[in-house]
C-alpha atoms as a PDB file:
ATOM      1  CA  GLY A   1       1.451  28.760  -3.901  1.00  0.00           C
ATOM      2  CA  VAL A   2       3.366  25.824  -5.435  1.00  0.00           C
ATOM      3  CA  ILE A   3       3.661  24.067  -2.064  1.00  0.00           C
ATOM      4  CA  GLY A   4      -0.089  24.202  -1.486  1.00  0.00           C
ATOM      5  CA  CYS A   5      -0.647  22.738  -5.152  1.00  0.00           C
ATOM      6  CA  PHE A   6       1.911  20.125  -4.501  1.00  0.00           C
ATOM      7  CA  TYR A   7      -0.001  18.862  -1.186  1.00  0.00           C
ATOM      8  CA  SER A   8      -3.278  19.069  -2.985  1.00  0.00           C
ATOM      9  CA  VAL A   9      -2.045  16.809  -5.800  1.00  0.00           C
ATOM     10  CA  LEU A  10      -0.286  14.456  -3.280  1.00  0.00           C
ATOM     11  CA  SER A  11      -3.525  14.370  -1.291  1.00  0.00           C
ATOM     12  CA  GLU A  12      -5.391  13.272  -4.512  1.00  0.00           C
ATOM     13  CA  ILE A  13      -2.671  10.675  -5.519  1.00  0.00           C
ATOM     14  CA  SER A  14      -2.794   9.168  -2.059  1.00  0.00           C
ATOM     15  CA  GLU A  15      -6.603   8.746  -2.122  1.00  0.00           C
ATOM     16  CA  THR A  16      -6.481   7.255  -5.573  1.00  0.00           C
ATOM     17  CA  LEU A  17      -3.762   4.755  -4.469  1.00  0.00           C
ATOM     18  CA  GLU A  18      -5.898   3.815  -1.326  1.00  0.00           C
ATOM     19  CA  HIS A  19      -8.830   3.191  -3.545  1.00  0.00           C
ATOM     20  CA  SER A  20      -7.014   1.084  -5.986  1.00  0.00           C
ATOM     21  CA  GLN A  21      -5.462  -0.928  -3.262  1.00  0.00           C
ATOM     22  CA  THR A  22      -8.975  -1.640  -1.886  1.00  0.00           C
ATOM     23  CA  ASN A  23     -10.062  -2.706  -5.498  1.00  0.00           C
ATOM     24  CA  VAL A  24      -7.092  -4.913  -5.790  1.00  0.00           C
ATOM     25  CA  LYS A  25      -7.968  -6.676  -2.455  1.00  0.00           C
ATOM     26  CA  LYS A  26     -11.534  -6.931  -3.469  1.00  0.00           C
ATOM     27  CA  ASP A  27     -10.464  -8.508  -6.801  1.00  0.00           C
ATOM     28  CA  ILE A  28      -8.277 -11.057  -4.920  1.00  0.00           C
ATOM     29  CA  ILE A  29     -11.252 -12.027  -2.536  1.00  0.00           C
ATOM     30  CA  GLU A  30     -13.447 -12.514  -5.816  1.00  0.00           C
ATOM     31  CA  LYS A  31     -10.740 -14.538  -7.430  1.00  0.00           C
ATOM     32  CA  ALA A  32     -10.185 -16.608  -4.386  1.00  0.00           C
ATOM     33  CA  GLU A  33     -13.932 -17.265  -4.105  1.00  0.00           C
ATOM     34  CA  GLN A  34     -14.269 -18.256  -7.734  1.00  0.00           C
ATOM     35  CA  TYR A  35     -11.378 -20.569  -7.389  1.00  0.00           C
ATOM     36  CA  ILE A  36     -12.915 -22.256  -4.492  1.00  0.00           C
ATOM     37  CA  TYR A  37     -16.351 -22.620  -6.159  1.00  0.00           C
ATOM     38  CA  ASP A  38     -14.362 -24.385  -9.207  1.00  0.00           C
ATOM     39  CA  HIS A  39     -12.130 -26.419  -7.052  1.00  0.00           C
ATOM     40  CA  LEU A  40     -14.004 -27.671  -3.906  1.00  0.00           C
ATOM     41  CA  ASP A  41     -11.214 -29.805  -2.692  1.00  0.00           C
ATOM     42  CA  CYS A  42      -8.714 -26.867  -2.407  1.00  0.00           C
ATOM     43  CA  ASN A  43      -6.908 -25.699   0.685  1.00  0.00           C
ATOM     44  CA  VAL A  44      -5.695 -22.132   1.536  1.00  0.00           C
ATOM     45  CA  SER A  45      -2.373 -22.782   0.158  1.00  0.00           C
ATOM     46  CA  ASP A  46      -3.978 -23.588  -3.354  1.00  0.00           C
ATOM     47  CA  VAL A  47      -6.034 -20.592  -3.155  1.00  0.00           C
ATOM     48  CA  ALA A  48      -3.070 -18.318  -2.314  1.00  0.00           C
ATOM     49  CA  LYS A  49      -1.116 -19.716  -5.151  1.00  0.00           C
ATOM     50  CA  HIS A  50      -3.987 -19.049  -7.661  1.00  0.00           C
ATOM     51  CA  CYS A  51      -4.245 -15.462  -6.446  1.00  0.00           C
ATOM     52  CA  MET A  52      -0.285 -15.361  -6.777  1.00  0.00           C
ATOM     53  CA  ILE A  53       0.297 -14.233  -3.148  1.00  0.00           C
ATOM     54  CA  SER A  54       1.480 -15.716  -0.036  1.00  0.00           C
ATOM     55  CA  LYS A  55      -0.820 -17.533   2.409  1.00  0.00           C
ATOM     56  CA  SER A  56      -0.059 -14.818   5.089  1.00  0.00           C
ATOM     57  CA  ALA A  57      -0.835 -12.034   2.457  1.00  0.00           C
ATOM     58  CA  LEU A  58      -4.171 -13.894   1.695  1.00  0.00           C
ATOM     59  CA  TYR A  59      -5.112 -14.017   5.473  1.00  0.00           C
ATOM     60  CA  HIS A  60      -4.287 -10.479   5.797  1.00  0.00           C
ATOM     61  CA  ILE A  61      -6.527  -9.272   2.832  1.00  0.00           C
ATOM     62  CA  PHE A  62      -9.326 -11.404   4.110  1.00  0.00           C
ATOM     63  CA  ASN A  63      -8.794  -9.947   7.631  1.00  0.00           C
ATOM     64  CA  GLN A  64      -8.989  -6.338   6.245  1.00  0.00           C
ATOM     65  CA  GLU A  65     -11.715  -6.717   3.697  1.00  0.00           C
ATOM     66  CA  SER A  66     -13.885  -9.784   4.771  1.00  0.00           C
ATOM     67  CA  ASP A  67     -15.730 -10.839   7.963  1.00  0.00           C
ATOM     68  CA  ILE A  68     -14.548 -14.399   7.375  1.00  0.00           C
ATOM     69  CA  SER A  69     -11.051 -16.153   6.992  1.00  0.00           C
ATOM     70  CA  PRO A  70     -10.163 -18.019   3.815  1.00  0.00           C
ATOM     71  CA  ASN A  71     -10.588 -21.411   5.637  1.00  0.00           C
ATOM     72  CA  GLN A  72     -14.108 -20.195   6.643  1.00  0.00           C
ATOM     73  CA  LEU A  73     -14.863 -19.243   3.013  1.00  0.00           C
ATOM     74  CA  ILE A  74     -13.818 -22.633   1.871  1.00  0.00           C
ATOM     75  CA  GLN A  75     -16.177 -24.293   4.411  1.00  0.00           C
ATOM     76  CA  LYS A  76     -19.000 -21.887   3.576  1.00  0.00           C
ATOM     77  CA  ILE A  77     -18.779 -22.603  -0.237  1.00  0.00           C
ATOM     78  CA  ARG A  78     -18.693 -26.509   0.562  1.00  0.00           C
ATOM     79  CA  CYS A  79     -21.792 -26.154   2.780  1.00  0.00           C
ATOM     80  CA  LEU A  80     -23.530 -24.088  -0.007  1.00  0.00           C
ATOM     81  CA  LYS A  81     -22.634 -27.095  -2.436  1.00  0.00           C
ATOM     82  CA  ALA A  82     -23.695 -29.618   0.141  1.00  0.00           C
ATOM     83  CA  GLU A  83     -27.016 -27.886   0.572  1.00  0.00           C
ATOM     84  CA  ALA A  84     -27.520 -28.056  -3.234  1.00  0.00           C
ATOM     85  CA  LEU A  85     -26.506 -31.698  -3.346  1.00  0.00           C
ATOM     86  CA  LEU A  86     -28.837 -32.685  -0.369  1.00  0.00           C
ATOM     87  CA  THR A  87     -31.851 -30.873  -1.819  1.00  0.00           C
ATOM     88  CA  THR A  88     -31.350 -32.004  -5.436  1.00  0.00           C
ATOM     89  CA  THR A  89     -29.935 -35.393  -5.496  1.00  0.00           C
ATOM     90  CA  ASP A  90     -30.486 -38.513  -3.374  1.00  0.00           C
ATOM     91  CA  LYS A  91     -26.799 -39.064  -2.722  1.00  0.00           C
ATOM     92  CA  SER A  92     -26.045 -40.281   0.841  1.00  0.00           C
ATOM     93  CA  VAL A  93     -24.546 -37.945   3.273  1.00  0.00           C
ATOM     94  CA  GLN A  94     -21.435 -40.056   3.087  1.00  0.00           C
ATOM     95  CA  GLU A  95     -21.242 -39.591  -0.764  1.00  0.00           C
ATOM     96  CA  ILE A  96     -21.573 -35.860  -0.359  1.00  0.00           C
ATOM     97  CA  SER A  97     -19.152 -35.593   2.396  1.00  0.00           C
ATOM     98  CA  ASP A  98     -16.591 -37.467   0.349  1.00  0.00           C
ATOM     99  CA  ALA A  99     -17.482 -35.637  -2.916  1.00  0.00           C
ATOM    100  CA  LEU A 100     -16.846 -32.284  -0.985  1.00  0.00           C
ATOM    101  CA  ASN A 101     -13.579 -33.494   0.429  1.00  0.00           C
ATOM    102  CA  PHE A 102     -14.499 -33.361   4.191  1.00  0.00           C
ATOM    103  CA  SER A 103     -12.148 -35.484   6.234  1.00  0.00           C
ATOM    104  CA  SER A 104     -15.112 -37.389   7.892  1.00  0.00           C
ATOM    105  CA  THR A 105     -18.948 -37.505   7.652  1.00  0.00           C
ATOM    106  CA  SER A 106     -19.021 -36.484  11.339  1.00  0.00           C
ATOM    107  CA  TYR A 107     -16.897 -33.514  10.453  1.00  0.00           C
ATOM    108  CA  PHE A 108     -19.110 -32.730   7.564  1.00  0.00           C
ATOM    109  CA  ARG A 109     -22.215 -32.849   9.822  1.00  0.00           C
ATOM    110  CA  LYS A 110     -20.658 -30.660  12.415  1.00  0.00           C
ATOM    111  CA  ILE A 111     -19.576 -27.913   9.826  1.00  0.00           C
ATOM    112  CA  LEU A 112     -22.784 -28.108   8.040  1.00  0.00           C
ATOM    113  CA  LYS A 113     -24.629 -27.537  11.341  1.00  0.00           C
ATOM    114  CA  ALA A 114     -22.414 -24.667  12.173  1.00  0.00           C
ATOM    115  CA  HIS A 115     -22.849 -22.890   8.878  1.00  0.00           C
ATOM    116  CA  THR A 116     -26.677 -23.689   8.310  1.00  0.00           C
ATOM    117  CA  GLY A 117     -28.028 -24.390  11.805  1.00  0.00           C
ATOM    118  CA  LYS A 118     -29.302 -27.650  10.348  1.00  0.00           C
ATOM    119  CA  THR A 119     -28.207 -31.360   9.856  1.00  0.00           C
ATOM    120  CA  PRO A 120     -28.055 -32.871   6.580  1.00  0.00           C
ATOM    121  CA  LEU A 121     -31.424 -34.756   7.147  1.00  0.00           C
ATOM    122  CA  GLU A 122     -33.216 -31.381   8.161  1.00  0.00           C
ATOM    123  CA  ILE A 123     -31.935 -29.793   4.930  1.00  0.00           C
ATOM    124  CA  ARG A 124     -32.956 -32.720   2.947  1.00  0.00           C
ATOM    125  CA  LYS A 125     -36.436 -32.789   4.661  1.00  0.00           C
ATOM    126  CA  GLY A 126     -36.965 -29.185   3.759  1.00  0.00           C
ATOM    127  CA  ALA A 127     -36.416 -29.903   0.014  1.00  0.00           C
ATOM    128  CA  ASP A 128     -39.269 -30.244  -2.245  1.00  0.00           C
ATOM    129  CA  PHE A 129     -38.019 -33.146  -4.470  1.00  0.00           C
END
């Protein structure tokens, strides 16, 4: 009857809304990622502003849709960039640390080791340049 039809339509609408919410969250994560790649000196507040949501909403979305936090994503992207700089340039570790906006060279070494399992020197030694 009419009620059965109503619940059937309601169920379809509900699934569609859930699906579109997931897409919106994935879009926000992609937008955040791209922003971080383009602005290596950013912080989580900058990323949230760029995505036009609050910091807490950004953390919430990452918590639901990603296995890392916004802070960890910033560190991960900085480490990817650091690996590229270590293997393609002869810039010093200090210069790379400064360029990627790490608070200190020792902190940079610590974060790089945590993300890659290697020190800057080990990364550089592995490079063929």
